[in-house]
Amino acid sequence: MRPYFPYGLDAPPVVRALGIGAALCWVGSLLGPMGFFHVRIYGLIWPALSLTLGAVLMVWNSRIGKVRAREKLLDRLSWRGDETVLDVGCGYGLLAVAAARRVPRGLAIGLDIWRQADLGSNHPDHPRRNAMHEGVADRVLISTADMRLMPFADACFDIVVSSVAIHNVPDAAGRLAALEEIVRVLKPSGAILIDDIRHDRDYAAFFKSRHCHVRTERGMSFWFWRVFSFTAMSPAVTLVRKKAA
């Protein structure tokens, strides 16, 4: 039997904080009119609803939303069926496994350092299990490495993809180092697809500085993150085509 979150619970500390905050607001709204706290019920009901909605949306997106969206995301690329694909920050293999189904004569490699704060119970066994479950275990490989220093030769991938991962690098210099590595391992005329919730303008500016063709589109999770973050985030998909040498 597959786990409830076959592709992982996104940002568990955030979900936990939302849940705790919602519970406290609900308790406060119930106890306030009883005189235990000098709080009117309508003062906490809206924060309680908002926090509850945020937690429910994050759980729904982790369980259902991102799995539905990944196919439409990968549809933005052209596929021959024999590509070598790299999924940067692969987690449970959301894109790596889906890409492997599109390359019956190719290979998909997932790279991650398995941080627990970014994805619940993150571990290299999970993408291997999902690849087996979806019948592509023979063409999915998993690598434990930092995206800022990839253990791959120059120009060895036809396609590089990444979903909600690069923004987790805390500093701008580190994110640029990751983008530099992506360009380095990509073949001439190769394609890059980055779906992220922050820094899309920085990504686009970097790739343009490396003389790549760049197009930015609305991300698959645009409305989810807009509602959840109250416009604090700007989800976008950055599509890049590396120019031939």
Protein backbone atom coordinates (compact mmCIF):
# COMPACT_ATOMS: atom_id res chain seq x y z
CA MET A 1 0.00 0.00 0.00
CA ARG A 2 1.35 3.42 -0.95
CA PRO A 3 1.67 6.07 1.81
CA TYR A 4 -0.89 8.86 2.09
CA PHE A 5 1.63 11.30 0.60
CA PRO A 6 3.29 9.22 -2.15
CA TYR A 7 5.26 12.27 -3.27
CA GLY A 8 5.83 13.80 0.15
CA LEU A 9 4.28 16.43 2.40
CA ASP A 10 5.65 19.82 1.39
CA ALA A 11 7.21 22.01 4.10
CA PRO A 12 6.05 20.02 7.19
CA PRO A 13 7.10 22.76 9.65
CA VAL A 14 4.86 25.25 7.84
CA VAL A 15 1.91 22.84 7.83
CA ARG A 16 2.49 22.13 11.53
CA ALA A 17 2.66 25.84 12.38
CA LEU A 18 -0.54 26.54 10.45
CA GLY A 19 -2.31 23.69 12.21
CA ILE A 20 -1.20 24.79 15.67
CA GLY A 21 -2.09 28.41 14.96
CA ALA A 22 -5.52 27.39 13.66
CA ALA A 23 -6.18 25.21 16.72
CA LEU A 24 -5.24 28.03 19.11
CA CYS A 25 -7.46 30.50 17.28
CA TRP A 26 -10.41 28.09 17.30
CA VAL A 27 -9.97 27.44 21.03
CA GLY A 28 -9.64 31.16 21.72
CA SER A 29 -12.76 31.95 19.71
CA LEU A 30 -14.72 29.37 21.70
CA LEU A 31 -13.40 30.32 25.14
CA GLY A 32 -13.50 34.09 24.61
CA PRO A 33 -17.27 34.50 24.98
CA MET A 34 -17.16 32.32 28.11
CA GLY A 35 -15.02 34.89 29.86
CA PHE A 36 -11.75 32.98 30.08
CA PHE A 37 -10.09 35.41 27.70
CA HIS A 38 -10.98 39.00 26.98
CA VAL A 39 -11.39 38.26 23.28
CA ARG A 40 -14.52 38.59 21.22
CA ILE A 41 -15.40 35.58 19.08
CA TYR A 42 -15.27 37.55 15.83
CA GLY A 43 -11.73 38.69 16.62
CA LEU A 44 -10.30 35.18 16.15
CA ILE A 45 -12.76 33.46 13.83
CA TRP A 46 -11.24 34.90 10.65
CA PRO A 47 -7.62 34.06 11.57
CA ALA A 48 -8.82 30.57 12.50
CA LEU A 49 -10.51 30.13 9.13
CA SER A 50 -7.52 31.55 7.24
CA LEU A 51 -4.96 29.32 8.99
CA THR A 52 -7.18 26.27 8.58
CA LEU A 53 -7.58 26.97 4.88
CA GLY A 54 -3.81 27.38 4.49
CA ALA A 55 -3.13 24.03 6.16
CA VAL A 56 -5.81 22.26 4.13
CA LEU A 57 -4.51 23.74 0.87
CA MET A 58 -0.95 22.64 1.61
CA VAL A 59 -2.09 19.11 2.44
CA TRP A 60 -4.27 18.97 -0.70
CA ASN A 61 -1.46 20.23 -2.91
CA SER A 62 0.99 17.70 -1.44
CA ARG A 63 -1.45 14.82 -1.80
CA ILE A 64 -3.22 15.61 -5.08
CA GLY A 65 -2.47 19.01 -6.63
CA LYS A 66 1.20 18.67 -7.50
CA VAL A 67 0.72 15.13 -8.83
CA ARG A 68 -1.99 16.33 -11.21
CA ALA A 69 0.03 19.37 -12.25
CA ARG A 70 3.29 17.60 -13.11
CA GLU A 71 2.08 16.20 -16.43
CA LYS A 72 0.90 19.60 -17.68
CA LEU A 73 4.20 21.01 -16.49
CA LEU A 74 6.26 18.51 -18.48
CA ASP A 75 3.98 19.01 -21.50
CA ARG A 76 5.68 22.40 -21.90
CA LEU A 77 8.76 20.59 -23.19
CA SER A 78 9.25 18.71 -26.44
CA TRP A 79 10.16 15.04 -26.01
CA ARG A 80 11.83 12.56 -28.39
CA GLY A 81 11.84 9.63 -25.98
CA ASP A 82 15.60 9.06 -25.75
CA GLU A 83 16.66 12.01 -23.57
CA THR A 84 18.82 11.95 -20.47
CA VAL A 85 16.99 14.04 -17.86
CA LEU A 86 18.15 15.56 -14.57
CA ASP A 87 15.66 16.45 -11.82
CA VAL A 88 17.34 18.96 -9.47
CA GLY A 89 16.01 18.69 -5.91
CA CYS A 90 13.97 15.63 -6.85
CA GLY A 91 12.57 14.78 -3.41
CA TYR A 92 10.23 11.81 -3.81
CA GLY A 93 10.82 11.83 -7.57
CA LEU A 94 7.79 13.85 -8.65
CA LEU A 95 9.33 15.01 -11.94
CA ALA A 96 12.04 12.36 -12.30
CA VAL A 97 9.51 9.53 -12.36
CA ALA A 98 7.13 11.38 -14.67
CA ALA A 99 10.02 12.23 -17.01
CA ALA A 100 11.17 8.59 -17.04
CA ARG A 101 7.76 7.58 -18.41
CA ARG A 102 8.35 9.98 -21.31
CA VAL A 103 11.79 8.61 -22.19
CA PRO A 104 11.39 4.86 -22.82
CA ARG A 105 14.80 4.86 -24.50
CA GLY A 106 16.38 7.34 -22.11
CA LEU A 107 17.24 7.89 -18.45
CA ALA A 108 16.10 10.16 -15.61
CA ILE A 109 18.40 11.04 -12.72
CA GLY A 110 17.12 12.59 -9.49
CA LEU A 111 19.49 14.68 -7.37
CA ASP A 112 18.83 15.80 -3.78
CA ILE A 113 20.39 16.26 -0.33
CA TRP A 114 17.18 15.00 1.37
CA ARG A 115 16.39 17.89 3.74
CA GLN A 116 13.49 17.06 6.05
CA ALA A 117 12.33 20.67 6.44
CA ASP A 118 11.59 20.96 2.72
CA LEU A 119 9.77 17.65 2.28
CA GLY A 120 8.49 15.34 5.02
CA SER A 121 10.59 12.17 5.63
CA ASN A 122 12.70 12.99 2.56
CA HIS A 123 14.91 10.00 1.74
CA PRO A 124 16.45 8.47 -1.42
CA ASP A 125 14.41 5.30 -0.97
CA HIS A 126 11.19 7.18 -1.74
CA PRO A 127 11.90 8.12 -5.38
CA ARG A 128 13.16 4.57 -5.96
CA ARG A 129 9.90 3.19 -4.55
CA ASN A 130 7.80 5.54 -6.67
CA ALA A 131 9.78 4.64 -9.79
CA MET A 132 9.11 0.96 -9.09
CA HIS A 133 5.42 1.63 -8.45
CA GLU A 134 5.08 3.49 -11.77
CA GLY A 135 7.03 0.86 -13.70
CA VAL A 136 10.11 2.92 -14.59
CA ALA A 137 12.66 1.70 -12.03
CA ASP A 138 14.95 0.49 -14.82
CA ARG A 139 15.47 4.04 -16.09
CA VAL A 140 15.55 6.11 -12.86
CA LEU A 141 18.78 6.70 -10.95
CA ILE A 142 19.13 8.61 -7.68
CA SER A 143 22.14 10.74 -6.69
CA THR A 144 22.84 12.29 -3.28
CA ALA A 145 24.59 15.59 -3.93
CA ASP A 146 24.30 19.34 -3.54
CA MET A 147 22.84 21.17 -6.54
CA ARG A 148 25.59 23.77 -6.13
CA LEU A 149 28.27 21.16 -6.85
CA MET A 150 26.90 18.42 -9.07
CA PRO A 151 28.89 15.20 -9.61
CA PHE A 152 28.26 15.14 -13.37
CA ALA A 153 30.39 15.83 -16.42
CA ASP A 154 29.90 18.90 -18.59
CA ALA A 155 27.14 18.78 -21.20
CA CYS A 156 25.73 15.37 -20.26
CA PHE A 157 21.97 16.08 -19.99
CA ASP A 158 19.42 16.83 -22.70
CA ILE A 159 16.87 18.24 -20.24
CA VAL A 160 17.13 19.64 -16.70
CA VAL A 161 13.96 20.09 -14.62
CA SER A 162 13.34 21.33 -11.10
CA SER A 163 10.15 21.81 -9.07
CA VAL A 164 9.96 24.11 -6.03
CA ALA A 165 13.52 23.30 -4.98
CA ILE A 166 16.07 25.96 -5.93
CA HIS A 167 14.44 28.63 -3.74
CA ASN A 168 15.34 26.47 -0.72
CA VAL A 169 18.98 27.48 -1.17
CA PRO A 170 19.06 30.31 1.39
CA ASP A 171 21.45 32.77 -0.26
CA ALA A 172 21.49 34.39 -3.68
CA ALA A 173 25.08 33.36 -4.35
CA GLY A 174 24.17 29.73 -3.67
CA ARG A 175 21.17 29.85 -6.00
CA LEU A 176 23.31 31.34 -8.76
CA ALA A 177 25.87 28.59 -8.19
CA ALA A 178 23.10 26.02 -8.67
CA LEU A 179 21.99 27.71 -11.90
CA GLU A 180 25.60 27.79 -13.09
CA GLU A 181 25.83 24.05 -12.51
CA ILE A 182 22.60 23.48 -14.42
CA VAL A 183 23.99 25.33 -17.43
CA ARG A 184 27.28 23.46 -17.15
CA VAL A 185 25.75 19.96 -17.22
CA LEU A 186 23.27 20.80 -20.00
CA LYS A 187 24.10 19.85 -23.58
CA PRO A 188 24.21 22.51 -26.28
CA SER A 189 20.64 23.16 -27.45
CA GLY A 190 19.35 21.42 -24.31
CA ALA A 191 16.25 22.57 -22.39
CA ILE A 192 15.71 23.70 -18.79
CA LEU A 193 12.37 23.87 -16.98
CA ILE A 194 12.23 25.40 -13.49
CA ASP A 195 8.92 25.60 -11.60
CA ASP A 196 9.42 27.65 -8.44
CA ILE A 197 7.59 30.00 -6.08
CA ARG A 198 10.25 32.71 -5.78
CA HIS A 199 13.18 34.31 -7.63
CA ASP A 200 11.91 33.66 -11.17
CA ARG A 201 13.20 37.07 -12.30
CA ASP A 202 16.65 36.25 -10.92
CA TYR A 203 16.62 32.91 -12.75
CA ALA A 204 15.60 34.53 -16.03
CA ALA A 205 18.22 37.27 -15.71
CA PHE A 206 20.95 34.73 -15.01
CA PHE A 207 20.10 32.53 -17.99
CA LYS A 208 19.90 35.54 -20.28
CA SER A 209 23.37 36.55 -19.09
CA ARG A 210 24.53 33.11 -20.28
CA HIS A 211 23.06 33.83 -23.72
CA CYS A 212 20.18 31.36 -23.41
CA HIS A 213 16.69 31.75 -24.85
CA VAL A 214 14.40 32.39 -21.86
CA ARG A 215 10.61 32.40 -21.48
CA THR A 216 8.73 32.83 -18.20
CA GLU A 217 5.16 31.57 -17.82
CA ARG A 218 2.64 31.33 -15.01
CA GLY A 219 3.37 28.36 -12.77
CA MET A 220 1.04 25.37 -12.39
CA SER A 221 0.61 26.22 -8.69
CA PHE A 222 0.02 29.93 -9.33
CA TRP A 223 -3.41 30.26 -7.77
CA PHE A 224 -2.60 27.90 -4.88
CA TRP A 225 0.39 29.98 -3.80
CA ARG A 226 -1.39 33.29 -4.49
CA VAL A 227 -4.29 32.34 -2.22
CA PHE A 228 -2.05 30.76 0.42
CA SER A 229 0.55 33.52 0.57
CA PHE A 230 -1.74 36.53 -0.05
CA THR A 231 0.39 37.55 -3.10
CA ALA A 232 3.68 37.29 -1.16
CA MET A 233 5.00 34.79 -3.70
CA SER A 234 5.17 34.81 -7.48
CA PRO A 235 5.02 31.24 -8.79
CA ALA A 236 6.38 30.95 -12.30
CA VAL A 237 7.85 28.48 -14.75
CA THR A 238 11.15 29.49 -16.33
CA LEU A 239 11.71 27.76 -19.67
CA VAL A 240 15.22 27.94 -21.09
CA ARG A 241 16.80 26.74 -24.31
CA LYS A 242 20.58 26.66 -24.32
CA LYS A 243 22.10 27.99 -27.51
CA ALA A 244 24.29 25.64 -29.46
CA ALA A 245 27.98 26.23 -29.04
